[in-house]
C-alpha atoms as a PDB file:
ATOM      1  CA  MET A   1     -10.620   2.076  40.048  1.00  0.00           C
ATOM      2  CA  THR A   2     -12.570   1.569  36.798  1.00  0.00           C
ATOM      3  CA  LEU A   3     -10.906   1.817  33.240  1.00  0.00           C
ATOM      4  CA  ARG A   4     -12.713   5.052  32.870  1.00  0.00           C
ATOM      5  CA  GLN A   5     -11.334   6.558  35.954  1.00  0.00           C
ATOM      6  CA  LEU A   6      -7.867   5.500  35.108  1.00  0.00           C
ATOM      7  CA  ARG A   7      -8.192   6.872  31.634  1.00  0.00           C
ATOM      8  CA  THR A   8      -9.178  10.092  33.368  1.00  0.00           C
ATOM      9  CA  TRP A   9      -6.453  10.160  35.998  1.00  0.00           C
ATOM     10  CA  ILE A  10      -3.797   9.513  33.195  1.00  0.00           C
ATOM     11  CA  THR A  11      -5.402  12.335  31.158  1.00  0.00           C
ATOM     12  CA  ASP A  12      -5.232  14.630  33.864  1.00  0.00           C
ATOM     13  CA  ARG A  13      -1.509  13.841  34.505  1.00  0.00           C
ATOM     14  CA  LEU A  14      -0.847  14.246  30.672  1.00  0.00           C
ATOM     15  CA  LYS A  15      -2.197  17.880  31.064  1.00  0.00           C
ATOM     16  CA  GLU A  16       0.158  18.557  33.865  1.00  0.00           C
ATOM     17  CA  ALA A  17       3.116  17.067  32.095  1.00  0.00           C
ATOM     18  CA  GLU A  18       2.455  19.025  28.756  1.00  0.00           C
ATOM     19  CA  PRO A  19       0.140  21.973  29.350  1.00  0.00           C
ATOM     20  CA  LEU A  20      -0.941  23.853  26.334  1.00  0.00           C
ATOM     21  CA  ASP A  21      -0.480  27.226  27.522  1.00  0.00           C
ATOM     22  CA  SER A  22       2.574  27.316  29.907  1.00  0.00           C
ATOM     23  CA  PRO A  23       5.786  25.192  30.930  1.00  0.00           C
ATOM     24  CA  SER A  24       5.049  22.026  32.906  1.00  0.00           C
ATOM     25  CA  THR A  25       5.323  22.321  36.594  1.00  0.00           C
ATOM     26  CA  MET A  26       5.366  18.682  37.372  1.00  0.00           C
ATOM     27  CA  GLU A  27       7.901  18.065  40.193  1.00  0.00           C
ATOM     28  CA  ASP A  28       8.418  14.422  39.922  1.00  0.00           C
ATOM     29  CA  PRO A  29       7.724  13.174  36.405  1.00  0.00           C
ATOM     30  CA  GLN A  30       9.221   9.825  37.048  1.00  0.00           C
ATOM     31  CA  HIS A  31       7.066   9.102  40.086  1.00  0.00           C
ATOM     32  CA  VAL A  32       3.812   9.914  37.890  1.00  0.00           C
ATOM     33  CA  ALA A  33       5.164   7.834  34.969  1.00  0.00           C
ATOM     34  CA  VAL A  34       5.956   4.693  37.395  1.00  0.00           C
ATOM     35  CA  THR A  35       2.602   5.283  39.305  1.00  0.00           C
ATOM     36  CA  ALA A  36       0.578   5.385  35.896  1.00  0.00           C
ATOM     37  CA  THR A  37       2.175   2.231  34.619  1.00  0.00           C
ATOM     38  CA  LYS A  38       1.805   0.443  37.934  1.00  0.00           C
ATOM     39  CA  LYS A  39      -1.869   1.193  38.157  1.00  0.00           C
ATOM     40  CA  LEU A  40      -2.166   0.160  34.387  1.00  0.00           C
ATOM     41  CA  GLY A  41      -0.463  -3.145  35.490  1.00  0.00           C
ATOM     42  CA  LEU A  42      -2.780  -3.567  38.448  1.00  0.00           C
ATOM     43  CA  MET A  43      -5.542  -3.681  35.992  1.00  0.00           C
ATOM     44  CA  GLY A  44      -4.055  -6.306  33.945  1.00  0.00           C
ATOM     45  CA  HIS A  45      -2.814  -3.903  31.113  1.00  0.00           C
ATOM     46  CA  GLY A  46       0.292  -2.420  29.865  1.00  0.00           C
ATOM     47  CA  SER A  47       3.793  -4.305  29.657  1.00  0.00           C
ATOM     48  CA  GLY A  48       7.128  -4.611  31.422  1.00  0.00           C
ATOM     49  CA  LYS A  49       8.735  -2.540  28.788  1.00  0.00           C
ATOM     50  CA  LEU A  50       6.515   0.303  29.615  1.00  0.00           C
ATOM     51  CA  LEU A  51       7.263   0.052  33.294  1.00  0.00           C
ATOM     52  CA  ALA A  52      10.962   0.058  32.308  1.00  0.00           C
ATOM     53  CA  LYS A  53      10.477   3.159  30.164  1.00  0.00           C
ATOM     54  CA  ALA A  54       8.764   4.924  33.034  1.00  0.00           C
ATOM     55  CA  GLY A  55      11.658   4.040  35.366  1.00  0.00           C
ATOM     56  CA  ARG A  56      13.964   5.994  33.031  1.00  0.00           C
ATOM     57  CA  VAL A  57      11.914   9.203  32.876  1.00  0.00           C
ATOM     58  CA  GLU A  58      13.567  12.500  33.851  1.00  0.00           C
ATOM     59  CA  THR A  59      11.702  15.140  32.240  1.00  0.00           C
ATOM     60  CA  PRO A  60       7.992  16.074  31.856  1.00  0.00           C
ATOM     61  CA  PHE A  61       8.075  15.472  28.099  1.00  0.00           C
ATOM     62  CA  GLU A  62       9.299  11.935  28.779  1.00  0.00           C
ATOM     63  CA  CYS A  63       6.464  11.391  31.319  1.00  0.00           C
ATOM     64  CA  ALA A  64       4.029  12.703  28.757  1.00  0.00           C
ATOM     65  CA  SER A  65       5.345  10.021  26.067  1.00  0.00           C
ATOM     66  CA  VAL A  66       4.716   7.150  28.819  1.00  0.00           C
ATOM     67  CA  LEU A  67       1.417   8.505  29.622  1.00  0.00           C
ATOM     68  CA  ILE A  68       0.335   8.497  25.929  1.00  0.00           C
ATOM     69  CA  ASP A  69       1.577   4.761  25.875  1.00  0.00           C
ATOM     70  CA  CYS A  70      -0.429   4.009  28.955  1.00  0.00           C
ATOM     71  CA  LEU A  71      -3.598   5.450  27.251  1.00  0.00           C
ATOM     72  CA  ALA A  72      -2.922   3.567  24.160  1.00  0.00           C
ATOM     73  CA  SER A  73      -2.580   0.122  26.207  1.00  0.00           C
ATOM     74  CA  LEU A  74      -5.982   0.813  27.740  1.00  0.00           C
ATOM     75  CA  PRO A  75      -8.666  -1.413  26.231  1.00  0.00           C
ATOM     76  CA  GLY A  76     -11.532   0.466  24.521  1.00  0.00           C
ATOM     77  CA  ASP A  77     -14.331   1.041  27.203  1.00  0.00           C
ATOM     78  CA  GLY A  78     -15.453   3.596  24.454  1.00  0.00           C
ATOM     79  CA  PRO A  79     -13.054   5.796  22.589  1.00  0.00           C
ATOM     80  CA  ALA A  80     -12.360   9.239  23.945  1.00  0.00           C
ATOM     81  CA  ASP A  81     -13.124  10.919  20.694  1.00  0.00           C
ATOM     82  CA  PRO A  82     -16.906  11.203  20.279  1.00  0.00           C
ATOM     83  CA  ASN A  83     -16.453  10.989  16.503  1.00  0.00           C
ATOM     84  CA  THR A  84     -15.021   7.563  16.775  1.00  0.00           C
ATOM     85  CA  LEU A  85     -16.493   4.112  17.709  1.00  0.00           C
ATOM     86  CA  SER A  86     -15.164   0.771  18.910  1.00  0.00           C
ATOM     87  CA  PRO A  87     -16.160  -2.459  17.172  1.00  0.00           C
ATOM     88  CA  SER A  88     -18.534  -3.211  20.066  1.00  0.00           C
ATOM     89  CA  ASP A  89     -19.982   0.264  19.768  1.00  0.00           C
ATOM     90  CA  VAL A  90     -20.803  -0.374  16.069  1.00  0.00           C
ATOM     91  CA  ALA A  91     -22.321  -3.907  16.844  1.00  0.00           C
ATOM     92  CA  ARG A  92     -24.527  -2.485  19.516  1.00  0.00           C
ATOM     93  CA  THR A  93     -25.649   0.261  17.069  1.00  0.00           C
ATOM     94  CA  LEU A  94     -26.318  -2.135  14.379  1.00  0.00           C
ATOM     95  CA  SER A  95     -27.622  -4.994  16.576  1.00  0.00           C
ATOM     96  CA  VAL A  96     -24.984  -7.478  15.331  1.00  0.00           C
ATOM     97  CA  SER A  97     -22.298  -9.428  17.057  1.00  0.00           C
ATOM     98  CA  ALA A  98     -18.774  -7.936  17.406  1.00  0.00           C
ATOM     99  CA  ASP A  99     -17.513 -10.693  15.423  1.00  0.00           C
ATOM    100  CA  THR A 100     -19.504  -9.614  12.394  1.00  0.00           C
ATOM    101  CA  VAL A 101     -18.009  -6.063  12.760  1.00  0.00           C
ATOM    102  CA  LEU A 102     -14.603  -7.417  13.112  1.00  0.00           C
ATOM    103  CA  GLY A 103     -15.352  -9.515   9.831  1.00  0.00           C
ATOM    104  CA  TRP A 104     -16.471  -6.276   8.003  1.00  0.00           C
ATOM    105  CA  ILE A 105     -13.279  -4.846   8.967  1.00  0.00           C
ATOM    106  CA  ARG A 106     -11.088  -7.779   7.832  1.00  0.00           C
ATOM    107  CA  ALA A 107     -12.782  -7.893   4.428  1.00  0.00           C
ATOM    108  CA  ARG A 108     -12.290  -4.042   4.189  1.00  0.00           C
ATOM    109  CA  GLU A 109     -15.922  -3.556   3.841  1.00  0.00           C
ATOM    110  CA  LEU A 110     -15.660  -1.091   6.952  1.00  0.00           C
ATOM    111  CA  ARG A 111     -12.920   1.225   7.028  1.00  0.00           C
ATOM    112  CA  ALA A 112     -11.181   1.280  10.628  1.00  0.00           C
ATOM    113  CA  SER A 113      -7.779   2.111  12.142  1.00  0.00           C
ATOM    114  CA  ASP A 114      -5.631  -0.050  14.347  1.00  0.00           C
ATOM    115  CA  ILE A 115      -4.476   1.948  17.278  1.00  0.00           C
ATOM    116  CA  ALA A 116      -2.796  -0.794  18.960  1.00  0.00           C
ATOM    117  CA  ALA A 117       0.486  -0.125  20.664  1.00  0.00           C
ATOM    118  CA  ARG A 118       3.509  -1.179  18.377  1.00  0.00           C
ATOM    119  CA  ASP A 119       4.588  -4.246  20.306  1.00  0.00           C
ATOM    120  CA  SER A 120       1.202  -5.642  20.385  1.00  0.00           C
ATOM    121  CA  ASN A 121       0.194  -8.522  18.128  1.00  0.00           C
ATOM    122  CA  ARG A 122      -3.444  -7.833  18.736  1.00  0.00           C
ATOM    123  CA  PRO A 123      -5.186  -5.033  16.663  1.00  0.00           C
ATOM    124  CA  ARG A 124      -7.335  -2.510  18.335  1.00  0.00           C
ATOM    125  CA  TRP A 125      -9.745  -0.978  15.798  1.00  0.00           C
ATOM    126  CA  ILE A 126     -11.476   2.186  15.993  1.00  0.00           C
ATOM    127  CA  ILE A 127     -14.176   3.417  13.362  1.00  0.00           C
ATOM    128  CA  THR A 128     -15.014   6.940  12.521  1.00  0.00           C
ATOM    129  CA  ARG A 129     -18.579   7.969  12.280  1.00  0.00           C
ATOM    130  CA  ASP A 130     -17.880   9.048   8.634  1.00  0.00           C
ATOM    131  CA  ALA A 131     -16.672   5.511   7.938  1.00  0.00           C
ATOM    132  CA  LEU A 132     -19.655   3.962   9.595  1.00  0.00           C
ATOM    133  CA  ASP A 133     -22.033   6.263   7.530  1.00  0.00           C
ATOM    134  CA  ALA A 134     -20.433   5.279   4.191  1.00  0.00           C
ATOM    135  CA  PHE A 135     -20.305   1.586   5.088  1.00  0.00           C
ATOM    136  CA  LEU A 136     -24.020   1.789   5.793  1.00  0.00           C
ATOM    137  CA  ARG A 137     -24.733   3.755   2.560  1.00  0.00           C
ATOM    138  CA  ASN A 138     -22.882   1.241   0.532  1.00  0.00           C
ATOM    139  CA  ARG A 139     -24.911  -1.576   2.295  1.00  0.00           C
ATOM    140  CA  GLN A 140     -28.236  -0.124   1.584  1.00  0.00           C
ATOM    141  CA  PRO A 141     -30.176  -2.517  -0.672  1.00  0.00           C
ATOM    142  CA  GLU A 142     -31.550  -1.139  -3.834  1.00  0.00           C
ATOM    143  CA  PRO A 143     -35.253  -0.097  -3.309  1.00  0.00           C
ATOM    144  CA  GLN A 144     -37.608  -2.437  -5.221  1.00  0.00           C
ATOM    145  CA  ALA A 145     -40.645  -1.350  -6.806  1.00  0.00           C
ATOM    146  CA  PRO A 146     -43.775  -3.107  -5.571  1.00  0.00           C
ATOM    147  CA  SER A 147     -44.880  -5.976  -7.839  1.00  0.00           C
ATOM    148  CA  PRO A 148     -48.043  -5.224  -9.622  1.00  0.00           C
ATOM    149  CA  THR A 149     -51.069  -7.158  -8.499  1.00  0.00           C
ATOM    150  CA  ARG A 150     -53.293  -8.750 -11.141  1.00  0.00           C
ATOM    151  CA  ARG A 151     -57.265  -8.527 -10.760  1.00  0.00           C
ATOM    152  CA  ASN A 152     -59.617 -10.934 -12.158  1.00  0.00           C
ATOM    153  CA  GLU A 153     -62.901  -9.880 -13.777  1.00  0.00           C
ATOM    154  CA  THR A 154     -64.533  -9.780 -10.676  1.00  0.00           C
ATOM    155  CA  GLY A 155     -62.166  -6.941  -9.579  1.00  0.00           C
ATOM    156  CA  PHE A 156     -60.605  -9.223  -6.548  1.00  0.00           C
ATOM    157  CA  ASN A 157     -56.876  -9.986  -6.410  1.00  0.00           C
ATOM    158  CA  ARG A 158     -55.907 -13.416  -7.497  1.00  0.00           C
ATOM    159  CA  TYR A 159     -53.803 -15.375  -5.022  1.00  0.00           C
END
């Protein structure tokens, strides 16, 4: 299972736990929550706290909370929202390194939001397309007028 497949699976279970147009019909929310956290753990993400929280789930609402935490624990393989970008997306777009983009974020030149879980000590940044556009507008160099060329008496340019 890839990260994208896991993200899709968790999102589908979230729709079952908290449907928009009707009450949840989820029969075993604890099983779904535990399964999601175990799948997350098998891929090297998540935490023991999240698995413990999943073990205490009794309602679909509590299951939805765990599933949201699972989604937040997934590393960015591209944010789900098409209007947001990860630092690596921005780096590919601008042909720079991800470290350069992170430097711009740390220097507050490029606005970004930290979406890491509360108990995480490592930030996970997302950048909106509007923030990237504003950043690029601010970084555009001033257009310079071409320097005039001087001609000598013969009409040829001097070097």
